[in-house]
Protein backbone atom coordinates (compact mmCIF):
# COMPACT_ATOMS: atom_id res chain seq x y z
CA MET A 1 0.00 0.00 0.00
CA SER A 2 2.83 2.40 0.73
CA ASN A 3 4.24 1.85 -2.79
CA LEU A 4 0.93 2.99 -4.22
CA ARG A 5 0.99 6.07 -2.02
CA TRP A 6 4.52 6.93 -3.14
CA LEU A 7 3.56 6.29 -6.76
CA VAL A 8 0.74 8.85 -6.49
CA VAL A 9 3.02 11.39 -4.81
CA SER A 10 5.83 11.02 -7.35
CA SER A 11 3.39 11.08 -10.28
CA SER A 12 1.84 14.28 -8.96
CA ALA A 13 5.26 15.84 -8.53
CA SER A 14 6.21 14.80 -12.06
CA GLY A 15 3.03 16.34 -13.43
CA ALA A 16 3.66 19.58 -11.56
CA GLY A 17 7.23 19.64 -12.84
CA PHE A 18 6.03 19.08 -16.40
CA LEU A 19 3.61 22.00 -16.11
CA SER A 20 6.39 24.17 -14.68
CA ILE A 21 8.62 23.32 -17.65
CA ILE A 22 5.88 24.28 -20.10
CA PHE A 23 5.31 27.56 -18.24
CA LEU A 24 9.06 28.30 -18.29
CA PHE A 25 9.23 27.73 -22.05
CA PHE A 26 6.40 30.20 -22.57
CA THR A 27 8.23 32.66 -20.31
CA PHE A 28 11.42 32.22 -22.37
CA PHE A 29 9.57 33.09 -25.55
CA TYR A 30 8.59 36.37 -23.91
CA LYS A 31 11.93 37.24 -22.28
CA PHE A 32 15.09 35.17 -21.82
CA THR A 33 17.04 35.69 -18.58
CA LEU A 34 19.95 33.86 -17.03
CA ALA A 35 18.03 33.35 -13.80
CA GLY A 36 15.16 31.81 -15.76
CA PHE A 37 17.61 29.44 -17.44
CA PHE A 38 18.93 28.28 -14.07
CA VAL A 39 15.38 27.76 -12.82
CA LEU A 40 14.68 25.68 -15.94
CA VAL A 41 17.75 23.49 -15.30
CA PHE A 42 16.74 23.09 -11.65
CA VAL A 43 13.15 22.15 -12.55
CA LEU A 44 14.36 19.73 -15.24
CA ALA A 45 16.61 17.97 -12.72
CA PHE A 46 13.78 17.50 -10.24
CA PHE A 47 11.41 16.44 -13.02
CA ILE A 48 13.82 13.72 -14.14
CA VAL A 49 14.27 12.50 -10.55
CA ASN A 50 10.50 12.32 -10.05
CA VAL A 51 10.01 10.44 -13.31
CA VAL A 52 12.63 7.91 -12.20
CA PHE A 53 10.86 7.49 -8.84
CA THR A 54 7.53 7.06 -10.64
CA ALA A 55 8.97 4.33 -12.86
CA HIS A 56 10.56 2.64 -9.83
CA TYR A 57 7.35 2.52 -7.78
CA PHE A 58 5.32 1.46 -10.81
CA SER A 59 7.67 -1.46 -11.45
CA ASN A 60 7.51 -2.46 -7.77
CA ILE A 61 3.71 -2.48 -7.84
CA SER A 62 3.65 -4.40 -11.12
CA ARG A 63 6.06 -7.00 -9.74
CA GLU A 64 3.98 -7.42 -6.58
CA LEU A 65 0.80 -7.87 -8.59
CA TYR A 66 2.49 -10.41 -10.86
CA ILE A 67 3.73 -12.42 -7.89
CA ARG A 68 0.33 -12.24 -6.20
CA LYS A 69 -1.42 -13.46 -9.35
CA LYS A 70 1.11 -16.26 -9.76
CA MET A 71 0.59 -17.36 -6.16
CA GLN A 72 -3.19 -17.31 -6.57
CA THR A 73 -3.00 -19.55 -9.64
CA GLN A 74 -0.72 -21.95 -7.77
CA MET A 75 -3.18 -22.05 -4.87
CA LYS A 76 -6.04 -22.80 -7.27
CA MET A 77 -4.05 -25.61 -8.85
CA ARG A 78 -3.34 -27.11 -5.43
CA ALA A 79 -6.96 -26.79 -4.32
CA LYS A 80 -8.28 -28.95 -7.16
CA PRO A 81 -8.83 -32.52 -6.04
CA THR A 82 -7.01 -35.11 -8.06
CA ARG A 83 -8.74 -38.36 -8.96
CA TYR A 84 -6.76 -41.45 -9.64
CA ARG A 85 -8.40 -44.35 -11.48
């Protein structure tokens, strides 16, 4: 459950970072400043980190679901009675 919580948090942060990047590009078309460039580099770095965290938590959740499904199918196979003739 905590992986899902962290996935939501990192996805939200990635989305906010993506919107900030788009806003900064529109600001650059209006007026380019050195401070704005540094802010863009800073936001890009945090955006990349959040995307990596999102991919990490998504893969953890996918792996857990795969293992859970595999275990459930094994339990169903064991629960079936076998008849010998």
